[in-house]
Amino acid sequence: MKEAFTLQQKVKVLNKLFDAKCKTEKELQALDMESILKIPNISLQDMVVIIELQKAIKANKLFSYLGGGNDEQPSE
């Protein structure tokens, strides 16, 4: 089951990314596991959020991800 993170958890990870000088979508997309592990005080849970952020950016659904919404159309 996919773990749901609160907005507070997502913002905490965003702050860690900003502190690590990752300030654009392009920089976030360029992060690999080695780069992520170099971020100070990074936890496994934070890494999951970073990967979800990368997926949301790639799918152009960052706002929905941060808000906990779902852009998927309901099936009929």
PDB file of N, CA and C in Angstrom:
ATOM      1  N   MET A   1       0.847  -1.182   0.000  1.00  0.00           N
ATOM      2  CA  MET A   1       0.000   0.000   0.000  1.00  0.00           C
ATOM      3  C   MET A   1       0.892   1.246   0.000  1.00  0.00           C
ATOM      4  N   LYS A   2       0.530   2.222  -0.775  1.00  0.00           N
ATOM      5  CA  LYS A   2       1.293   3.456  -0.876  1.00  0.00           C
ATOM      6  C   LYS A   2       1.092   4.294   0.386  1.00  0.00           C
ATOM      7  N   GLU A   3       2.199   4.728   0.963  1.00  0.00           N
ATOM      8  CA  GLU A   3       2.149   5.524   2.183  1.00  0.00           C
ATOM      9  C   GLU A   3       1.763   6.961   1.840  1.00  0.00           C
ATOM     10  N   ALA A   4       0.827   7.504   2.590  1.00  0.00           N
ATOM     11  CA  ALA A   4       0.408   8.888   2.370  1.00  0.00           C
ATOM     12  C   ALA A   4       1.162   9.783   3.348  1.00  0.00           C
ATOM     13  N   PHE A   5       1.787  10.813   2.809  1.00  0.00           N
ATOM     14  CA  PHE A   5       2.530  11.754   3.629  1.00  0.00           C
ATOM     15  C   PHE A   5       1.715  13.025   3.799  1.00  0.00           C
ATOM     16  N   THR A   6       1.867  13.660   4.957  1.00  0.00           N
ATOM     17  CA  THR A   6       1.159  14.914   5.216  1.00  0.00           C
ATOM     18  C   THR A   6       1.899  16.054   4.516  1.00  0.00           C
ATOM     19  N   LEU A   7       1.198  17.152   4.342  1.00  0.00           N
ATOM     20  CA  LEU A   7       1.825  18.334   3.759  1.00  0.00           C
ATOM     21  C   LEU A   7       3.010  18.780   4.605  1.00  0.00           C
ATOM     22  N   GLN A   8       2.895  18.669   5.922  1.00  0.00           N
ATOM     23  CA  GLN A   8       3.979  19.053   6.821  1.00  0.00           C
ATOM     24  C   GLN A   8       5.232  18.219   6.545  1.00  0.00           C
ATOM     25  N   GLN A   9       5.077  16.909   6.318  1.00  0.00           N
ATOM     26  CA  GLN A   9       6.218  16.047   6.006  1.00  0.00           C
ATOM     27  C   GLN A   9       6.847  16.441   4.666  1.00  0.00           C
ATOM     28  N   LYS A  10       6.006  16.738   3.695  1.00  0.00           N
ATOM     29  CA  LYS A  10       6.497  17.122   2.363  1.00  0.00           C
ATOM     30  C   LYS A  10       7.257  18.442   2.433  1.00  0.00           C
ATOM     31  N   VAL A  11       6.739  19.398   3.199  1.00  0.00           N
ATOM     32  CA  VAL A  11       7.403  20.696   3.340  1.00  0.00           C
ATOM     33  C   VAL A  11       8.738  20.530   4.058  1.00  0.00           C
ATOM     34  N   LYS A  12       8.797  19.650   5.050  1.00  0.00           N
ATOM     35  CA  LYS A  12      10.049  19.386   5.758  1.00  0.00           C
ATOM     36  C   LYS A  12      11.113  18.887   4.772  1.00  0.00           C
ATOM     37  N   VAL A  13      10.723  18.002   3.874  1.00  0.00           N
ATOM     38  CA  VAL A  13      11.657  17.477   2.870  1.00  0.00           C
ATOM     39  C   VAL A  13      12.038  18.577   1.879  1.00  0.00           C
ATOM     40  N   LEU A  14      11.075  19.401   1.484  1.00  0.00           N
ATOM     41  CA  LEU A  14      11.387  20.518   0.590  1.00  0.00           C
ATOM     42  C   LEU A  14      12.416  21.444   1.226  1.00  0.00           C
ATOM     43  N   ASN A  15      12.277  21.713   2.509  1.00  0.00           N
ATOM     44  CA  ASN A  15      13.245  22.566   3.207  1.00  0.00           C
ATOM     45  C   ASN A  15      14.636  21.941   3.216  1.00  0.00           C
ATOM     46  N   LYS A  16      14.706  20.633   3.399  1.00  0.00           N
ATOM     47  CA  LYS A  16      16.002  19.944   3.350  1.00  0.00           C
ATOM     48  C   LYS A  16      16.611  20.062   1.957  1.00  0.00           C
ATOM     49  N   LEU A  17      15.767  19.939   0.931  1.00  0.00           N
ATOM     50  CA  LEU A  17      16.252  20.080  -0.446  1.00  0.00           C
ATOM     51  C   LEU A  17      16.761  21.496  -0.695  1.00  0.00           C
ATOM     52  N   PHE A  18      16.017  22.499  -0.249  1.00  0.00           N
ATOM     53  CA  PHE A  18      16.433  23.889  -0.421  1.00  0.00           C
ATOM     54  C   PHE A  18      17.755  24.153   0.297  1.00  0.00           C
ATOM     55  N   ASP A  19      17.885  23.630   1.519  1.00  0.00           N
ATOM     56  CA  ASP A  19      19.131  23.794   2.281  1.00  0.00           C
ATOM     57  C   ASP A  19      20.312  23.129   1.580  1.00  0.00           C
ATOM     58  N   ALA A  20      20.023  22.065   0.816  1.00  0.00           N
ATOM     59  CA  ALA A  20      21.069  21.340   0.081  1.00  0.00           C
ATOM     60  C   ALA A  20      21.303  21.958  -1.299  1.00  0.00           C
ATOM     61  N   LYS A  21      20.793  23.157  -1.501  1.00  0.00           N
ATOM     62  CA  LYS A  21      20.975  23.919  -2.754  1.00  0.00           C
ATOM     63  C   LYS A  21      20.263  23.284  -3.952  1.00  0.00           C
ATOM     64  N   CYS A  22      19.209  22.554  -3.702  1.00  0.00           N
ATOM     65  CA  CYS A  22      18.369  22.007  -4.764  1.00  0.00           C
ATOM     66  C   CYS A  22      17.113  22.873  -4.793  1.00  0.00           C
ATOM     67  N   LYS A  23      17.063  23.797  -5.754  1.00  0.00           N
ATOM     68  CA  LYS A  23      16.005  24.816  -5.734  1.00  0.00           C
ATOM     69  C   LYS A  23      15.130  24.843  -6.976  1.00  0.00           C
ATOM     70  N   THR A  24      15.397  23.969  -7.963  1.00  0.00           N
ATOM     71  CA  THR A  24      14.571  23.962  -9.174  1.00  0.00           C
ATOM     72  C   THR A  24      14.107  22.542  -9.474  1.00  0.00           C
ATOM     73  N   GLU A  25      13.072  22.458 -10.289  1.00  0.00           N
ATOM     74  CA  GLU A  25      12.577  21.156 -10.704  1.00  0.00           C
ATOM     75  C   GLU A  25      13.659  20.379 -11.448  1.00  0.00           C
ATOM     76  N   LYS A  26      14.437  21.085 -12.263  1.00  0.00           N
ATOM     77  CA  LYS A  26      15.507  20.437 -13.025  1.00  0.00           C
ATOM     78  C   LYS A  26      16.555  19.840 -12.083  1.00  0.00           C
ATOM     79  N   GLU A  27      16.925  20.583 -11.039  1.00  0.00           N
ATOM     80  CA  GLU A  27      17.885  20.073 -10.066  1.00  0.00           C
ATOM     81  C   GLU A  27      17.323  18.878  -9.302  1.00  0.00           C
ATOM     82  N   LEU A  28      16.043  18.938  -8.967  1.00  0.00           N
ATOM     83  CA  LEU A  28      15.409  17.823  -8.265  1.00  0.00           C
ATOM     84  C   LEU A  28      15.381  16.576  -9.144  1.00  0.00           C
ATOM     85  N   GLN A  29      15.046  16.755 -10.415  1.00  0.00           N
ATOM     86  CA  GLN A  29      14.999  15.618 -11.338  1.00  0.00           C
ATOM     87  C   GLN A  29      16.382  15.005 -11.528  1.00  0.00           C
ATOM     88  N   ALA A  30      17.435  15.810 -11.394  1.00  0.00           N
ATOM     89  CA  ALA A  30      18.799  15.327 -11.612  1.00  0.00           C
ATOM     90  C   ALA A  30      19.358  14.556 -10.407  1.00  0.00           C
ATOM     91  N   LEU A  31      18.665  14.616  -9.269  1.00  0.00           N
ATOM     92  CA  LEU A  31      19.165  13.921  -8.084  1.00  0.00           C
ATOM     93  C   LEU A  31      19.100  12.412  -8.283  1.00  0.00           C
ATOM     94  N   ASP A  32      20.225  11.757  -8.052  1.00  0.00           N
ATOM     95  CA  ASP A  32      20.241  10.299  -8.045  1.00  0.00           C
ATOM     96  C   ASP A  32      20.403   9.848  -6.590  1.00  0.00           C
ATOM     97  N   MET A  33      20.418   8.541  -6.363  1.00  0.00           N
ATOM     98  CA  MET A  33      20.465   8.034  -4.994  1.00  0.00           C
ATOM     99  C   MET A  33      21.723   8.513  -4.262  1.00  0.00           C
ATOM    100  N   GLU A  34      22.840   8.537  -4.946  1.00  0.00           N
ATOM    101  CA  GLU A  34      24.084   8.994  -4.323  1.00  0.00           C
ATOM    102  C   GLU A  34      23.963  10.450  -3.856  1.00  0.00           C
ATOM    103  N   SER A  35      23.373  11.292  -4.682  1.00  0.00           N
ATOM    104  CA  SER A  35      23.180  12.706  -4.323  1.00  0.00           C
ATOM    105  C   SER A  35      22.199  12.854  -3.172  1.00  0.00           C
ATOM    106  N   ILE A  36      21.146  12.069  -3.190  1.00  0.00           N
ATOM    107  CA  ILE A  36      20.146  12.133  -2.127  1.00  0.00           C
ATOM    108  C   ILE A  36      20.768  11.743  -0.789  1.00  0.00           C
ATOM    109  N   LEU A  37      21.607  10.715  -0.803  1.00  0.00           N
ATOM    110  CA  LEU A  37      22.226  10.257   0.443  1.00  0.00           C
ATOM    111  C   LEU A  37      23.192  11.278   1.034  1.00  0.00           C
ATOM    112  N   LYS A  38      23.670  12.220   0.232  1.00  0.00           N
ATOM    113  CA  LYS A  38      24.586  13.260   0.718  1.00  0.00           C
ATOM    114  C   LYS A  38      23.855  14.405   1.414  1.00  0.00           C
ATOM    115  N   ILE A  39      22.533  14.448   1.313  1.00  0.00           N
ATOM    116  CA  ILE A  39      21.758  15.502   1.966  1.00  0.00           C
ATOM    117  C   ILE A  39      21.814  15.276   3.480  1.00  0.00           C
ATOM    118  N   PRO A  40      22.202  16.293   4.241  1.00  0.00           N
ATOM    119  CA  PRO A  40      22.309  16.120   5.697  1.00  0.00           C
ATOM    120  C   PRO A  40      20.977  15.713   6.340  1.00  0.00           C
ATOM    121  N   ASN A  41      21.067  14.811   7.299  1.00  0.00           N
ATOM    122  CA  ASN A  41      19.918  14.352   8.105  1.00  0.00           C
ATOM    123  C   ASN A  41      18.792  13.760   7.266  1.00  0.00           C
ATOM    124  N   ILE A  42      19.118  13.116   6.168  1.00  0.00           N
ATOM    125  CA  ILE A  42      18.092  12.520   5.314  1.00  0.00           C
ATOM    126  C   ILE A  42      17.683  11.163   5.894  1.00  0.00           C
ATOM    127  N   SER A  43      16.402  10.893   5.909  1.00  0.00           N
ATOM    128  CA  SER A  43      15.895   9.614   6.407  1.00  0.00           C
ATOM    129  C   SER A  43      15.326   8.810   5.241  1.00  0.00           C
ATOM    130  N   LEU A  44      15.049   7.562   5.493  1.00  0.00           N
ATOM    131  CA  LEU A  44      14.450   6.714   4.465  1.00  0.00           C
ATOM    132  C   LEU A  44      13.099   7.287   4.035  1.00  0.00           C
ATOM    133  N   GLN A  45      12.330   7.748   4.993  1.00  0.00           N
ATOM    134  CA  GLN A  45      11.024   8.349   4.700  1.00  0.00           C
ATOM    135  C   GLN A  45      11.194   9.593   3.825  1.00  0.00           C
ATOM    136  N   ASP A  46      12.216  10.404   4.107  1.00  0.00           N
ATOM    137  CA  ASP A  46      12.494  11.588   3.295  1.00  0.00           C
ATOM    138  C   ASP A  46      12.832  11.186   1.865  1.00  0.00           C
ATOM    139  N   MET A  47      13.592  10.102   1.709  1.00  0.00           N
ATOM    140  CA  MET A  47      13.959   9.631   0.374  1.00  0.00           C
ATOM    141  C   MET A  47      12.724   9.219  -0.420  1.00  0.00           C
ATOM    142  N   VAL A  48      11.775   8.600   0.250  1.00  0.00           N
ATOM    143  CA  VAL A  48      10.530   8.207  -0.417  1.00  0.00           C
ATOM    144  C   VAL A  48       9.796   9.454  -0.897  1.00  0.00           C
ATOM    145  N   VAL A  49       9.743  10.486  -0.069  1.00  0.00           N
ATOM    146  CA  VAL A  49       9.084  11.740  -0.458  1.00  0.00           C
ATOM    147  C   VAL A  49       9.799  12.362  -1.655  1.00  0.00           C
ATOM    148  N   ILE A  50      11.126  12.353  -1.656  1.00  0.00           N
ATOM    149  CA  ILE A  50      11.882  12.916  -2.777  1.00  0.00           C
ATOM    150  C   ILE A  50      11.564  12.172  -4.073  1.00  0.00           C
ATOM    151  N   ILE A  51      11.515  10.863  -4.008  1.00  0.00           N
ATOM    152  CA  ILE A  51      11.194  10.075  -5.204  1.00  0.00           C
ATOM    153  C   ILE A  51       9.775  10.374  -5.674  1.00  0.00           C
ATOM    154  N   GLU A  52       8.837  10.514  -4.738  1.00  0.00           N
ATOM    155  CA  GLU A  52       7.466  10.872  -5.113  1.00  0.00           C
ATOM    156  C   GLU A  52       7.407  12.274  -5.712  1.00  0.00           C
ATOM    157  N   LEU A  53       8.194  13.203  -5.183  1.00  0.00           N
ATOM    158  CA  LEU A  53       8.267  14.554  -5.753  1.00  0.00           C
ATOM    159  C   LEU A  53       8.787  14.488  -7.186  1.00  0.00           C
ATOM    160  N   GLN A  54       9.810  13.690  -7.419  1.00  0.00           N
ATOM    161  CA  GLN A  54      10.358  13.542  -8.766  1.00  0.00           C
ATOM    162  C   GLN A  54       9.303  12.999  -9.722  1.00  0.00           C
ATOM    163  N   LYS A  55       8.551  11.999  -9.274  1.00  0.00           N
ATOM    164  CA  LYS A  55       7.497  11.420 -10.116  1.00  0.00           C
ATOM    165  C   LYS A  55       6.396  12.442 -10.402  1.00  0.00           C
ATOM    166  N   ALA A  56       6.020  13.211  -9.380  1.00  0.00           N
ATOM    167  CA  ALA A  56       4.961  14.208  -9.548  1.00  0.00           C
ATOM    168  C   ALA A  56       5.386  15.303 -10.528  1.00  0.00           C
ATOM    169  N   ILE A  57       6.629  15.721 -10.439  1.00  0.00           N
ATOM    170  CA  ILE A  57       7.136  16.744 -11.362  1.00  0.00           C
ATOM    171  C   ILE A  57       7.139  16.208 -12.781  1.00  0.00           C
ATOM    172  N   LYS A  58       7.595  14.988 -12.944  1.00  0.00           N
ATOM    173  CA  LYS A  58       7.653  14.386 -14.279  1.00  0.00           C
ATOM    174  C   LYS A  58       6.253  14.270 -14.890  1.00  0.00           C
ATOM    175  N   ALA A  59       5.262  14.006 -14.056  1.00  0.00           N
ATOM    176  CA  ALA A  59       3.882  13.856 -14.535  1.00  0.00           C
ATOM    177  C   ALA A  59       3.126  15.185 -14.550  1.00  0.00           C
ATOM    178  N   ASN A  60       3.810  16.296 -14.249  1.00  0.00           N
ATOM    179  CA  ASN A  60       3.180  17.618 -14.180  1.00  0.00           C
ATOM    180  C   ASN A  60       2.020  17.651 -13.196  1.00  0.00           C
ATOM    181  N   LYS A  61       2.202  17.012 -12.040  1.00  0.00           N
ATOM    182  CA  LYS A  61       1.152  16.954 -11.023  1.00  0.00           C
ATOM    183  C   LYS A  61       1.684  17.343  -9.643  1.00  0.00           C
ATOM    184  N   LEU A  62       2.654  18.242  -9.609  1.00  0.00           N
ATOM    185  CA  LEU A  62       3.268  18.616  -8.342  1.00  0.00           C
ATOM    186  C   LEU A  62       2.256  19.226  -7.379  1.00  0.00           C
ATOM    187  N   PHE A  63       1.433  20.144  -7.858  1.00  0.00           N
ATOM    188  CA  PHE A  63       0.466  20.811  -6.991  1.00  0.00           C
ATOM    189  C   PHE A  63      -0.500  19.785  -6.391  1.00  0.00           C
ATOM    190  N   SER A  64      -0.976  18.849  -7.209  1.00  0.00           N
ATOM    191  CA  SER A  64      -1.877  17.804  -6.710  1.00  0.00           C
ATOM    192  C   SER A  64      -1.182  16.942  -5.661  1.00  0.00           C
ATOM    193  N   TYR A  65       0.082  16.595  -5.918  1.00  0.00           N
ATOM    194  CA  TYR A  65       0.816  15.775  -4.957  1.00  0.00           C
ATOM    195  C   TYR A  65       0.964  16.500  -3.624  1.00  0.00           C
ATOM    196  N   LEU A  66       1.368  17.761  -3.673  1.00  0.00           N
ATOM    197  CA  LEU A  66       1.564  18.510  -2.434  1.00  0.00           C
ATOM    198  C   LEU A  66       0.255  18.668  -1.671  1.00  0.00           C
ATOM    199  N   GLY A  67      -0.837  18.823  -2.383  1.00  0.00           N
ATOM    200  CA  GLY A  67      -2.134  19.002  -1.736  1.00  0.00           C
ATOM    201  C   GLY A  67      -2.814  17.706  -1.347  1.00  0.00           C
ATOM    202  N   GLY A  68      -2.224  16.581  -1.730  1.00  0.00           N
ATOM    203  CA  GLY A  68      -2.824  15.286  -1.394  1.00  0.00           C
ATOM    204  C   GLY A  68      -3.963  14.904  -2.306  1.00  0.00           C
ATOM    205  N   GLY A  69      -4.147  15.670  -3.392  1.00  0.00           N
ATOM    206  CA  GLY A  69      -5.221  15.380  -4.325  1.00  0.00           C
ATOM    207  C   GLY A  69      -4.824  14.370  -5.364  1.00  0.00           C
ATOM    208  N   ASN A  70      -5.779  14.066  -6.209  1.00  0.00           N
ATOM    209  CA  ASN A  70      -5.567  13.086  -7.268  1.00  0.00           C
ATOM    210  C   ASN A  70      -6.144  13.653  -8.548  1.00  0.00           C
ATOM    211  N   ASP A  71      -5.323  13.773  -9.584  1.00  0.00           N
ATOM    212  CA  ASP A  71      -5.776  14.325 -10.855  1.00  0.00           C
ATOM    213  C   ASP A  71      -6.394  13.277 -11.769  1.00  0.00           C
ATOM    214  N   GLU A  72      -6.436  12.055 -11.339  1.00  0.00           N
ATOM    215  CA  GLU A  72      -6.959  10.987 -12.180  1.00  0.00           C
ATOM    216  C   GLU A  72      -8.466  11.181 -12.405  1.00  0.00           C
ATOM    217  N   GLN A  73      -8.877  10.926 -13.624  1.00  0.00           N
ATOM    218  CA  GLN A  73     -10.292  11.017 -13.952  1.00  0.00           C
ATOM    219  C   GLN A  73     -10.994   9.766 -13.421  1.00  0.00           C
ATOM    220  N   PRO A  74     -12.187   9.906 -12.824  1.00  0.00           N
ATOM    221  CA  PRO A  74     -12.879   8.727 -12.322  1.00  0.00           C
ATOM    222  C   PRO A  74     -13.307   7.827 -13.480  1.00  0.00           C
ATOM    223  N   SER A  75     -13.162   6.528 -13.286  1.00  0.00           N
ATOM    224  CA  SER A  75     -13.572   5.598 -14.339  1.00  0.00           C
ATOM    225  C   SER A  75     -15.069   5.415 -14.298  1.00  0.00           C
ATOM    226  N   GLU A  76     -15.648   5.230 -15.465  1.00  0.00           N
ATOM    227  CA  GLU A  76     -17.115   5.097 -15.537  1.00  0.00           C
ATOM    228  C   GLU A  76     -17.536   3.660 -15.514  1.00  0.00           C
TER     229      GLU A  76
END
